[in-house]
Structure formats: structure tokens, C-alpha cells
Protein backbone atom coordinates (compact mmCIF):
# COMPACT_ATOMS: atom_id res chain seq x y z
CA UNK A 1 -8.49 -30.82 -1.79
CA UNK A 2 -5.59 -28.39 -1.88
CA UNK A 3 -5.57 -26.09 -4.90
CA UNK A 4 -3.82 -22.80 -5.68
CA UNK A 5 -6.18 -19.88 -5.20
CA UNK A 6 -5.16 -16.58 -6.79
CA UNK A 7 -5.19 -13.70 -4.32
CA UNK A 8 -7.00 -11.50 -6.85
CA UNK A 9 -10.22 -12.09 -8.79
CA UNK A 10 -11.42 -9.80 -11.57
CA UNK A 11 -14.88 -8.64 -10.49
CA UNK A 12 -17.65 -9.10 -13.08
CA UNK A 13 -15.09 -10.23 -15.62
CA UNK A 14 -13.05 -7.15 -16.36
CA UNK A 15 -14.06 -4.89 -13.53
CA UNK A 16 -14.51 -1.26 -14.53
CA UNK A 17 -12.00 -1.39 -17.41
CA UNK A 18 -14.26 -3.30 -19.81
CA UNK A 19 -18.00 -3.81 -20.16
CA UNK A 20 -18.97 -5.91 -17.16
CA UNK A 21 -19.85 -9.58 -17.56
CA UNK A 22 -18.56 -9.76 -21.13
CA UNK A 23 -16.01 -11.86 -22.98
CA UNK A 24 -13.99 -8.69 -23.55
CA UNK A 25 -13.69 -8.31 -19.78
CA UNK A 26 -12.47 -11.88 -19.33
CA UNK A 27 -9.91 -11.41 -22.10
CA UNK A 28 -8.69 -8.19 -20.48
CA UNK A 29 -8.29 -9.89 -17.12
CA UNK A 30 -6.21 -12.62 -18.72
CA UNK A 31 -4.03 -10.09 -20.56
CA UNK A 32 -3.35 -8.26 -17.30
CA UNK A 33 -2.20 -11.47 -15.64
CA UNK A 34 -5.25 -12.27 -13.55
CA UNK A 35 -5.71 -15.98 -12.97
CA UNK A 36 -9.30 -15.80 -11.73
CA UNK A 37 -12.47 -14.02 -12.80
CA UNK A 38 -15.89 -13.66 -11.21
CA UNK A 39 -19.08 -13.27 -13.20
CA UNK A 40 -22.84 -13.41 -12.65
CA UNK A 41 -25.20 -15.87 -14.33
CA UNK A 42 -28.97 -15.49 -14.74
CA UNK A 43 -31.55 -17.26 -16.92
CA UNK A 44 -33.11 -15.68 -19.98
CA UNK A 45 -36.81 -15.89 -20.72
CA UNK A 46 -36.00 -19.01 -22.74
CA UNK A 47 -34.09 -20.57 -19.85
CA UNK A 48 -30.59 -19.98 -21.22
CA UNK A 49 -27.88 -19.11 -18.68
CA UNK A 50 -26.12 -15.88 -19.61
CA UNK A 51 -23.79 -13.38 -17.98
CA UNK A 52 -25.54 -10.37 -16.47
CA UNK A 53 -25.80 -8.85 -13.01
CA UNK A 54 -29.11 -6.97 -12.89
CA UNK A 55 -32.59 -8.41 -13.29
CA UNK A 56 -33.28 -5.56 -15.71
CA UNK A 57 -31.44 -4.59 -18.87
CA UNK A 58 -31.22 -0.82 -18.69
CA UNK A 59 -27.99 -0.29 -16.71
CA UNK A 60 -25.66 -2.55 -18.67
CA UNK A 61 -27.21 -2.83 -22.15
CA UNK A 62 -29.10 -0.77 -24.70
CA UNK A 63 -32.20 -2.84 -24.02
CA UNK A 64 -35.15 -2.47 -21.68
CA UNK A 65 -37.20 -4.88 -19.64
CA UNK A 66 -36.54 -7.86 -17.40
CA UNK A 67 -33.90 -10.44 -18.29
CA UNK A 68 -36.08 -13.35 -17.20
CA UNK A 69 -38.90 -12.21 -19.46
CA UNK A 70 -36.81 -11.53 -22.57
CA UNK A 71 -36.16 -14.03 -25.36
CA UNK A 72 -32.72 -15.21 -26.40
CA UNK A 73 -33.19 -13.66 -29.81
CA UNK A 74 -33.66 -10.25 -28.24
CA UNK A 75 -31.05 -10.59 -25.50
CA UNK A 76 -28.24 -11.71 -27.77
CA UNK A 77 -28.90 -8.86 -30.17
CA UNK A 78 -28.25 -6.22 -27.52
CA UNK A 79 -25.12 -4.11 -27.04
CA UNK A 80 -23.59 -4.70 -23.60
CA UNK A 81 -21.05 -1.90 -24.13
CA UNK A 82 -18.47 -1.07 -26.80
CA UNK A 83 -20.21 -3.40 -29.23
CA UNK A 84 -19.95 -6.40 -26.90
CA UNK A 85 -22.94 -8.68 -26.57
CA UNK A 86 -24.20 -10.61 -23.59
CA UNK A 87 -22.33 -13.93 -23.43
CA UNK A 88 -23.80 -17.34 -22.78
CA UNK A 89 -22.37 -19.26 -19.83
CA UNK A 90 -21.01 -21.80 -22.32
CA UNK A 91 -18.99 -19.09 -24.09
CA UNK A 92 -17.53 -17.75 -20.85
CA UNK A 93 -16.63 -21.27 -19.72
CA UNK A 94 -14.85 -22.02 -22.99
CA UNK A 95 -12.85 -18.79 -22.72
CA UNK A 96 -11.88 -19.44 -19.10
CA UNK A 97 -10.75 -22.94 -20.00
CA UNK A 98 -8.73 -21.63 -22.94
CA UNK A 99 -6.92 -19.16 -20.68
CA UNK A 100 -6.65 -21.53 -17.72
CA UNK A 101 -8.63 -19.13 -15.52
CA UNK A 102 -10.41 -20.06 -12.33
CA UNK A 103 -14.04 -18.97 -12.75
CA UNK A 104 -16.09 -17.87 -9.76
CA UNK A 105 -19.57 -18.37 -11.21
CA UNK A 106 -22.08 -16.46 -9.13
CA UNK A 107 -25.58 -17.89 -9.42
CA UNK A 108 -27.64 -14.71 -9.72
CA UNK A 109 -31.28 -15.77 -9.98
CA UNK A 110 -34.13 -13.49 -10.86
CA UNK A 111 -36.57 -13.06 -7.98
CA UNK A 112 -38.38 -16.32 -7.32
CA UNK A 113 -36.16 -18.33 -9.70
CA UNK A 114 -33.51 -19.51 -7.25
CA UNK A 115 -34.04 -23.25 -7.71
CA UNK A 116 -34.46 -23.43 -11.52
CA UNK A 117 -31.51 -21.11 -12.05
CA UNK A 118 -29.29 -23.17 -9.77
CA UNK A 119 -30.38 -26.39 -11.46
CA UNK A 120 -29.40 -25.13 -14.90
CA UNK A 121 -26.17 -23.48 -13.81
CA UNK A 122 -24.96 -26.40 -11.69
CA UNK A 123 -25.66 -28.97 -14.40
CA UNK A 124 -24.09 -26.86 -17.14
CA UNK A 125 -20.99 -26.08 -15.09
CA UNK A 126 -20.47 -29.78 -14.40
CA UNK A 127 -20.55 -30.45 -18.16
CA UNK A 128 -18.70 -27.34 -19.35
CA UNK A 129 -15.75 -27.89 -17.00
CA UNK A 130 -15.71 -31.67 -17.20
CA UNK A 131 -12.10 -32.81 -17.19
CA UNK A 132 -10.73 -29.25 -16.88
CA UNK A 133 -7.50 -28.79 -14.96
CA UNK A 134 -8.91 -25.66 -13.29
CA UNK A 135 -12.37 -26.21 -11.90
CA UNK A 136 -14.83 -23.38 -11.13
CA UNK A 137 -16.34 -22.22 -7.86
CA UNK A 138 -20.10 -21.72 -7.59
CA UNK A 139 -21.15 -18.91 -5.26
CA UNK A 140 -24.45 -17.23 -4.45
CA UNK A 141 -26.28 -15.06 -1.96
CA UNK A 142 -29.10 -17.60 -2.26
CA UNK A 143 -28.72 -20.48 0.16
CA UNK A 144 -31.47 -22.33 -1.72
CA UNK A 145 -29.41 -22.08 -4.91
CA UNK A 146 -26.34 -23.41 -3.15
CA UNK A 147 -28.34 -26.34 -1.76
CA UNK A 148 -29.23 -27.28 -5.34
CA UNK A 149 -25.61 -26.89 -6.44
CA UNK A 150 -24.45 -29.08 -3.56
CA UNK A 151 -26.86 -31.84 -4.53
CA UNK A 152 -26.53 -31.68 -8.34
CA UNK A 153 -22.81 -30.93 -8.69
CA UNK A 154 -21.15 -31.89 -5.40
CA UNK A 155 -17.76 -32.08 -7.10
CA UNK A 156 -17.78 -28.32 -7.79
CA UNK A 157 -16.66 -26.16 -4.88
CA UNK A 158 -19.12 -23.70 -3.37
CA UNK A 159 -18.67 -20.28 -1.80
CA UNK A 160 -21.35 -18.79 0.45
CA UNK A 161 -21.97 -15.08 -0.14
CA UNK A 162 -23.17 -12.60 2.44
CA UNK A 163 -22.81 -8.86 2.64
CA UNK A 164 -22.50 -9.24 6.40
CA UNK A 165 -22.16 -12.86 7.57
CA UNK A 166 -24.77 -13.70 10.23
CA UNK A 167 -23.75 -14.98 13.63
CA UNK A 168 -24.54 -18.57 12.65
CA UNK A 169 -22.70 -18.49 9.31
CA UNK A 170 -20.54 -21.56 10.13
CA UNK A 171 -23.68 -23.69 10.35
CA UNK A 172 -24.69 -22.79 6.80
CA UNK A 173 -21.17 -23.23 5.46
CA UNK A 174 -21.05 -26.70 7.01
CA UNK A 175 -24.57 -27.62 5.86
CA UNK A 176 -23.82 -26.56 2.30
CA UNK A 177 -20.40 -28.23 2.42
CA UNK A 178 -18.99 -24.96 1.17
CA UNK A 179 -15.27 -24.44 0.74
CA UNK A 180 -15.09 -20.66 1.19
CA UNK A 181 -16.84 -17.67 2.73
CA UNK A 182 -17.34 -14.49 0.68
CA UNK A 183 -18.42 -11.14 2.12
CA UNK A 184 -18.19 -7.38 1.79
CA UNK A 185 -14.79 -6.00 2.73
CA UNK A 186 -16.52 -3.04 4.36
CA UNK A 187 -18.57 -5.35 6.59
CA UNK A 188 -15.85 -7.78 7.65
CA UNK A 189 -15.46 -8.05 11.41
CA UNK A 190 -12.47 -9.38 13.31
CA UNK A 191 -14.80 -11.96 14.88
CA UNK A 192 -15.86 -13.42 11.54
CA UNK A 193 -12.31 -13.39 10.20
CA UNK A 194 -10.95 -15.01 13.35
CA UNK A 195 -13.55 -17.77 13.28
CA UNK A 196 -12.94 -18.44 9.58
CA UNK A 197 -9.21 -18.72 10.23
CA UNK A 198 -9.76 -21.01 13.20
CA UNK A 199 -11.93 -23.27 11.06
CA UNK A 200 -9.52 -23.19 8.10
CA UNK A 201 -12.11 -21.58 5.81
CA UNK A 202 -10.71 -19.20 3.16
CA UNK A 203 -12.36 -15.79 3.33
CA UNK A 204 -12.77 -13.76 0.13
CA UNK A 205 -13.81 -10.09 0.19
CA UNK A 206 -15.47 -7.85 -2.39
CA UNK A 207 -15.04 -5.23 -3.85
CA UNK A 208 -11.60 -3.74 -3.14
CA UNK A 209 -10.36 -0.93 -5.39
CA UNK A 210 -7.76 0.84 -3.22
CA UNK A 211 -4.21 -0.47 -2.58
CA UNK A 212 -4.14 0.65 1.06
CA UNK A 213 -7.41 -1.17 1.77
CA UNK A 214 -6.12 -4.28 0.02
CA UNK A 215 -2.89 -4.24 2.01
CA UNK A 216 -4.82 -3.93 5.25
CA UNK A 217 -7.10 -6.86 4.42
CA UNK A 218 -4.25 -9.13 3.39
CA UNK A 219 -2.44 -8.06 6.54
CA UNK A 220 -5.42 -9.20 8.59
CA UNK A 221 -5.35 -12.60 6.90
CA UNK A 222 -8.02 -12.34 4.19
CA UNK A 223 -7.35 -15.00 1.55
CA UNK A 224 -8.39 -13.26 -1.68
CA UNK A 225 -9.99 -10.09 -2.99
CA UNK A 226 -12.34 -9.15 -5.83
CA UNK A 227 -11.51 -5.90 -7.62
CA UNK A 228 -12.92 -3.62 -10.32
CA UNK A 229 -9.57 -1.83 -10.71
CA UNK A 230 -7.60 -4.48 -12.50
CA UNK A 231 -4.97 -1.93 -13.48
CA UNK A 232 -4.02 -1.14 -9.88
CA UNK A 233 -3.18 -4.71 -8.93
CA UNK A 234 -1.89 -6.26 -12.15
CA UNK A 235 1.64 -6.37 -10.74
CA UNK A 236 0.44 -8.66 -7.94
CA UNK A 237 -1.68 -11.10 -9.90
CA UNK A 238 1.06 -13.65 -10.40
CA UNK A 239 1.12 -14.31 -6.67
CA UNK A 240 -0.62 -17.54 -5.67
CA UNK A 241 -1.49 -18.77 -2.23
CA UNK A 242 -2.02 -22.47 -1.55
CA UNK A 243 -5.18 -22.88 0.48
CA UNK A 244 -7.25 -25.84 1.58
CA UNK A 245 -10.62 -25.22 -0.01
CA UNK A 246 -12.18 -28.50 1.01
CA UNK A 247 -14.79 -30.40 -0.97
């Protein structure tokens, strides 16, 4: 399936210009012209999918403890920065649909919870984006989570995440029927990029916060970039690139 993929994705919602993984961040990205946002989804102690990156609460909220061991009542009472609260996946999906944003939903399971997290996220994404003109992408560092997503929501595109793609990465991309490869910009080799281009697989790199680095990566043929510095690239966010994402 051929769909327009924005060249820029707002990392963790609003990058570093708003509290990460919050509705305020998604709104900021939309105001700055971004057409795609990335955010992380984990399960609460009650099994509710919510936006947060770390398994613990201390870095991004005024709470303490482990996300997967904390009740919804406690989690949704916390301050995630500037008075923002932790959003449910359903709230983020509704906002992305309202703005027409492509959502890169990263399945971010707590340790040992790869399968149950993927089951909940895949099923909810299928329902939350049912009939939407702009469908999400499910990505994860967990191959087990992506296997679940492939089986439970095959209609939703998948992106395989590695910091450094292993030598046999095409085998996993093919097995998972993934439509894109995501990796660290700092760890991208010419060999991986060349093979991705030869196979027609879009390659997305994180996290790029310097214009000269971004220009170099686009010059090498990288398809899209994740950034924390939404302000530096707002002038470019209207640029779309038609890519075959498969699936």
C-alpha cells in the first residue's frame, strides 16, 4: 500500500518542547505543522494502556514506583509536567485522529510483559483507528510484541526497532511482515541503508536534533527522522514523501 509518510516525526509527542508523552506535546506538534508523532505505550497495574516511556515514574512525573505496579487511580492523578497528566492511549488516538496525524505507537512493555502489552495495544489500536483515513504504525524493540501485533492486527503497519540492526535484520522484517525499519541515527551503517534501499524498505532514524545531521541523513537516502527539537525543523514539516510501506 502506498501512503504519504511525513519526513519528520515528533519524538515522544512534543519532543523537548513540551512534557513528553502528553496530549500537550501532541497538540504542540500539530500546531508546528508536524504530520506525525511518536509516543510510547505501557500498561498500568490495572492493565490500562497509557503513554509513558520509563518503567518507573520518577523521571517524567511527580510520582514514584513502577508503572506496571501502580493503579490507574494513582497514575492518572500524577503531574507529568506543567500540570499535564499521563494520557490513556484512547485519548492520544482521539487527538491524533482529530488532527489527522500519523501516530507511531511504540509498544513499550514493562520487563516480562511483552505479550500482554502487545495484545492490549494491538487490539485497542485496531478499534481506536477503525475507519480512520490516517492509520497508525506499531513499532517496538520487542520482536515478541511485534509477532503479537502481526497476528492480532495484521492490517496495521509495523516498524521493527533496533538501536543497531543485526546482520540478519531482513529475516525478522520479512517474518514480521513489517513495513519499515527504525534504528539509531548514530548507529546507521551504509551497509544497512543500502540493503534497505535495495529491498524497498523505508528506513527511519531516531533521534535527530541538529540540522546538519538531518541534511546528511536525508542526503544518504534515509526516509524519515524522529526529532526532539520540533522548533528547528518546523519549516520542513509540510514536505511529504510518497513511500511504499507494504502491508
